C-alpha atoms as a PDB file:
ATOM      1  CA  MET A   1      23.178 -34.617 -22.398  1.00  0.00           C
ATOM      2  CA  ARG A   2      19.430 -35.395 -22.452  1.00  0.00           C
ATOM      3  CA  LYS A   3      19.572 -36.200 -18.707  1.00  0.00           C
ATOM      4  CA  CYS A   4      21.319 -32.747 -17.987  1.00  0.00           C
ATOM      5  CA  ILE A   5      18.572 -30.879 -20.072  1.00  0.00           C
ATOM      6  CA  HIS A   6      15.731 -32.676 -17.904  1.00  0.00           C
ATOM      7  CA  VAL A   7      17.523 -32.153 -14.460  1.00  0.00           C
ATOM      8  CA  CYS A   8      18.106 -28.489 -15.455  1.00  0.00           C
ATOM      9  CA  ALA A   9      14.609 -28.114 -16.526  1.00  0.00           C
ATOM     10  CA  ALA A  10      13.422 -29.494 -13.321  1.00  0.00           C
ATOM     11  CA  VAL A  11      15.860 -27.448 -11.349  1.00  0.00           C
ATOM     12  CA  LEU A  12      14.411 -24.014 -13.260  1.00  0.00           C
ATOM     13  CA  VAL A  13      10.968 -24.895 -12.598  1.00  0.00           C
ATOM     14  CA  ALA A  14      11.598 -25.531  -8.785  1.00  0.00           C
ATOM     15  CA  VAL A  15      13.614 -22.227  -8.287  1.00  0.00           C
ATOM     16  CA  ALA A  16      10.950 -20.370 -10.201  1.00  0.00           C
ATOM     17  CA  SER A  17       8.070 -21.629  -8.389  1.00  0.00           C
ATOM     18  CA  GLY A  18      10.029 -21.003  -5.146  1.00  0.00           C
ATOM     19  CA  ALA A  19      10.691 -17.502  -6.109  1.00  0.00           C
ATOM     20  CA  ALA A  20       7.042 -16.698  -6.949  1.00  0.00           C
ATOM     21  CA  ALA A  21       6.097 -18.188  -3.487  1.00  0.00           C
ATOM     22  CA  ALA A  22       8.662 -16.027  -1.944  1.00  0.00           C
ATOM     23  CA  ALA A  23       7.549 -12.932  -3.661  1.00  0.00           C
ATOM     24  CA  GLU A  24       4.120 -13.057  -1.620  1.00  0.00           C
ATOM     25  CA  PRO A  25       4.159 -11.340   1.700  1.00  0.00           C
ATOM     26  CA  ASN A  26       3.139 -12.991   5.025  1.00  0.00           C
ATOM     27  CA  MET A  27      -0.321 -11.691   5.215  1.00  0.00           C
ATOM     28  CA  ALA A  28      -3.600 -13.126   5.813  1.00  0.00           C
ATOM     29  CA  GLU A  29      -6.278 -12.171   3.428  1.00  0.00           C
ATOM     30  CA  GLY A  30      -9.561 -10.618   4.752  1.00  0.00           C
ATOM     31  CA  LYS A  31     -11.137  -7.636   6.228  1.00  0.00           C
ATOM     32  CA  TRP A  32      -8.671  -5.391   7.936  1.00  0.00           C
ATOM     33  CA  GLU A  33      -9.146  -2.470  10.192  1.00  0.00           C
ATOM     34  CA  VAL A  34      -6.585   0.284   9.320  1.00  0.00           C
ATOM     35  CA  THR A  35      -5.970   3.147  11.947  1.00  0.00           C
ATOM     36  CA  GLY A  36      -3.432   5.812  12.231  1.00  0.00           C
ATOM     37  CA  LYS A  37      -2.547   9.351  12.883  1.00  0.00           C
ATOM     38  CA  MET A  38      -1.934  12.116  10.229  1.00  0.00           C
ATOM     39  CA  THR A  39       0.114  15.287  10.563  1.00  0.00           C
ATOM     40  CA  MET A  40      -0.081  17.971   7.944  1.00  0.00           C
ATOM     41  CA  GLU A  41       2.587  20.380   7.152  1.00  0.00           C
ATOM     42  CA  GLY A  42       2.174  23.685   4.917  1.00  0.00           C
ATOM     43  CA  LEU A  43      -0.870  24.884   6.378  1.00  0.00           C
ATOM     44  CA  PRO A  44      -1.009  28.512   7.947  1.00  0.00           C
ATOM     45  CA  LEU A  45      -1.627  27.229  11.349  1.00  0.00           C
ATOM     46  CA  ARG A  46      -0.240  24.207  13.086  1.00  0.00           C
ATOM     47  CA  MET A  47      -2.797  21.285  13.353  1.00  0.00           C
ATOM     48  CA  PRO A  48      -2.621  18.453  15.865  1.00  0.00           C
ATOM     49  CA  ALA A  49      -2.423  14.986  14.590  1.00  0.00           C
ATOM     50  CA  VAL A  50      -5.704  13.901  13.110  1.00  0.00           C
ATOM     51  CA  PRO A  51      -6.771  10.174  13.829  1.00  0.00           C
ATOM     52  CA  ILE A  52      -8.024   8.045  10.739  1.00  0.00           C
ATOM     53  CA  SER A  53      -9.868   4.635  10.812  1.00  0.00           C
ATOM     54  CA  TYR A  54     -11.381   2.562   8.073  1.00  0.00           C
ATOM     55  CA  SER A  55     -11.973  -1.045   7.129  1.00  0.00           C
ATOM     56  CA  GLN A  56     -10.890  -2.484   3.943  1.00  0.00           C
ATOM     57  CA  CYS A  57     -10.690  -6.031   2.373  1.00  0.00           C
ATOM     58  CA  LEU A  58      -7.005  -6.834   1.546  1.00  0.00           C
ATOM     59  CA  THR A  59      -5.806  -9.630  -0.490  1.00  0.00           C
ATOM     60  CA  LYS A  60      -2.651 -10.876  -2.069  1.00  0.00           C
ATOM     61  CA  LYS A  61      -3.697  -9.156  -5.245  1.00  0.00           C
ATOM     62  CA  ASP A  62      -4.800  -5.957  -3.513  1.00  0.00           C
ATOM     63  CA  LEU A  63      -2.196  -5.343  -0.905  1.00  0.00           C
ATOM     64  CA  VAL A  64      -2.259  -1.535  -0.570  1.00  0.00           C
ATOM     65  CA  PRO A  65      -4.483  -0.029   2.153  1.00  0.00           C
ATOM     66  CA  GLN A  66      -6.417   3.097   1.010  1.00  0.00           C
ATOM     67  CA  GLN A  67      -9.238   4.804   2.011  1.00  0.00           C
ATOM     68  CA  LYS A  68     -11.843   5.335  -0.768  1.00  0.00           C
ATOM     69  CA  GLU A  69     -12.495   8.911  -1.380  1.00  0.00           C
ATOM     70  CA  GLN A  70     -15.333  10.244  -3.205  1.00  0.00           C
ATOM     71  CA  ASN A  71     -15.129  12.509  -6.215  1.00  0.00           C
ATOM     72  CA  LYS A  72     -11.445  11.565  -6.744  1.00  0.00           C
ATOM     73  CA  ASP A  73      -9.950   9.862  -9.700  1.00  0.00           C
ATOM     74  CA  CYS A  74      -7.177   7.633  -8.066  1.00  0.00           C
ATOM     75  CA  LYS A  75      -4.913   5.041  -9.443  1.00  0.00           C
ATOM     76  CA  LEU A  76      -1.903   2.977  -8.233  1.00  0.00           C
ATOM     77  CA  VAL A  77       1.283   4.133 -10.272  1.00  0.00           C
ATOM     78  CA  SER A  78       3.540   1.530  -9.129  1.00  0.00           C
ATOM     79  CA  GLN A  79       3.879  -1.358  -6.469  1.00  0.00           C
ATOM     80  CA  LYS A  80       6.781  -3.419  -5.349  1.00  0.00           C
ATOM     81  CA  ILE A  81       6.919  -6.354  -3.148  1.00  0.00           C
ATOM     82  CA  GLN A  82      10.079  -7.546  -1.267  1.00  0.00           C
ATOM     83  CA  GLY A  83       9.329 -10.248   1.268  1.00  0.00           C
ATOM     84  CA  ASN A  84       6.829  -8.791   3.828  1.00  0.00           C
ATOM     85  CA  ILE A  85       7.290  -5.124   2.763  1.00  0.00           C
ATOM     86  CA  VAL A  86       5.034  -3.631   0.295  1.00  0.00           C
ATOM     87  CA  THR A  87       6.047  -0.167  -1.101  1.00  0.00           C
ATOM     88  CA  TRP A  88       3.738   1.855  -3.625  1.00  0.00           C
ATOM     89  CA  VAL A  89       3.077   5.010  -5.448  1.00  0.00           C
ATOM     90  CA  GLY A  90      -0.407   6.457  -5.874  1.00  0.00           C
ATOM     91  CA  SER A  91      -1.861   9.413  -7.503  1.00  0.00           C
ATOM     92  CA  CYS A  92      -5.370  11.088  -7.465  1.00  0.00           C
ATOM     93  CA  VAL A  93      -7.030  13.997  -9.156  1.00  0.00           C
ATOM     94  CA  ASP A  94     -10.312  15.418  -7.952  1.00  0.00           C
ATOM     95  CA  LYS A  95     -13.034  17.316 -10.133  1.00  0.00           C
ATOM     96  CA  ASP A  96     -11.492  20.691  -9.117  1.00  0.00           C
ATOM     97  CA  GLY A  97      -7.965  19.712 -10.528  1.00  0.00           C
ATOM     98  CA  ASN A  98      -6.402  19.224  -6.979  1.00  0.00           C
ATOM     99  CA  LYS A  99      -3.748  16.612  -7.378  1.00  0.00           C
ATOM    100  CA  THR A 100      -2.390  14.146  -4.576  1.00  0.00           C
ATOM    101  CA  ASP A 101       0.647  12.070  -4.949  1.00  0.00           C
ATOM    102  CA  SER A 102       1.508   9.573  -2.289  1.00  0.00           C
ATOM    103  CA  THR A 103       4.219   6.952  -1.385  1.00  0.00           C
ATOM    104  CA  GLY A 104       3.575   4.142   0.969  1.00  0.00           C
ATOM    105  CA  THR A 105       5.557   1.387   2.885  1.00  0.00           C
ATOM    106  CA  ILE A 106       3.891  -1.162   4.961  1.00  0.00           C
ATOM    107  CA  THR A 107       5.409  -4.285   6.621  1.00  0.00           C
ATOM    108  CA  TYR A 108       3.134  -7.277   6.819  1.00  0.00           C
ATOM    109  CA  LYS A 109       3.291  -9.578   9.861  1.00  0.00           C
ATOM    110  CA  GLY A 110       0.600 -12.204   9.143  1.00  0.00           C
ATOM    111  CA  SER A 111      -2.556 -10.688  10.577  1.00  0.00           C
ATOM    112  CA  SER A 112      -1.016  -7.171  11.332  1.00  0.00           C
ATOM    113  CA  PHE A 113       0.883  -4.498   9.590  1.00  0.00           C
ATOM    114  CA  ASP A 114       2.666  -1.178  10.298  1.00  0.00           C
ATOM    115  CA  GLY A 115       3.734   1.298   8.030  1.00  0.00           C
ATOM    116  CA  LYS A 116       3.641   5.028   6.762  1.00  0.00           C
ATOM    117  CA  ILE A 117       2.144   6.944   3.666  1.00  0.00           C
ATOM    118  CA  ASP A 118       3.714  10.320   2.612  1.00  0.00           C
ATOM    119  CA  THR A 119       1.412  12.612   0.605  1.00  0.00           C
ATOM    120  CA  VAL A 120       1.882  15.889  -1.204  1.00  0.00           C
ATOM    121  CA  MET A 121      -1.292  17.632  -2.304  1.00  0.00           C
ATOM    122  CA  ARG A 122      -1.164  20.514  -4.970  1.00  0.00           C
ATOM    123  CA  ASP A 123      -4.140  22.745  -5.972  1.00  0.00           C
ATOM    124  CA  PRO A 124      -4.355  23.994  -9.404  1.00  0.00           C
ATOM    125  CA  LYS A 125      -2.518  27.188  -8.333  1.00  0.00           C
ATOM    126  CA  GLY A 126       0.540  25.159  -7.110  1.00  0.00           C
ATOM    127  CA  ALA A 127      -0.120  25.595  -3.507  1.00  0.00           C
ATOM    128  CA  LYS A 128       1.519  22.663  -1.714  1.00  0.00           C
ATOM    129  CA  THR A 129       0.417  20.938   1.478  1.00  0.00           C
ATOM    130  CA  THR A 130       2.103  17.772   2.880  1.00  0.00           C
ATOM    131  CA  SER A 131       0.915  15.072   5.159  1.00  0.00           C
ATOM    132  CA  LYS A 132       2.364  12.216   6.953  1.00  0.00           C
ATOM    133  CA  LEU A 133       0.494   9.369   8.012  1.00  0.00           C
ATOM    134  CA  GLN A 134       1.623   6.553  10.462  1.00  0.00           C
ATOM    135  CA  ILE A 135      -0.564   3.274   9.999  1.00  0.00           C
ATOM    136  CA  THR A 136      -1.224   0.175  11.580  1.00  0.00           C
ATOM    137  CA  GLY A 137      -3.492  -2.653  10.384  1.00  0.00           C
ATOM    138  CA  GLN A 138      -5.236  -5.522  11.934  1.00  0.00           C
ATOM    139  CA  ARG A 139      -7.312  -8.343  10.348  1.00  0.00           C
ATOM    140  CA  THR A 140     -10.696  -8.514  11.768  1.00  0.00           C
ATOM    141  CA  GLY A 141     -12.518 -11.235   9.874  1.00  0.00           C
ATOM    142  CA  ASP A 142     -13.320 -12.674   6.444  1.00  0.00           C
ATOM    143  CA  CYS A 143     -14.386 -10.170   3.253  1.00  0.00           C
ATOM    144  CA  THR A 144     -18.190 -10.126   3.040  1.00  0.00           C
END
């Protein structure tokens, strides 16, 4: 019986540590260049896709690419990791009361990723604008 307890405990530790290692996506930590094209809906005039580009340090603890915006209070509401796929929900409010909610999904592939971010922006009067952003990321070096 004691032998079974020791063996069972060892198996549980091995399974738990393997599950923890499997939970991390295949991504190289460091400085990443994020590029993409954003389309907007809900505007009076149709706009062409707007290119975006920014750099960010990404780590296994900070997997979500996000462009820092001034005068906005932003938070990561939730995040889920399944293999190399990271999904999240984010929310921001600016000083004028405009609210932005976003959902995103990216798939890491070592030193690159691709994905999308869908965003809904609402002003205090309830007017709504949506955007869709297709993004790619490439690791460019170490964080400084």
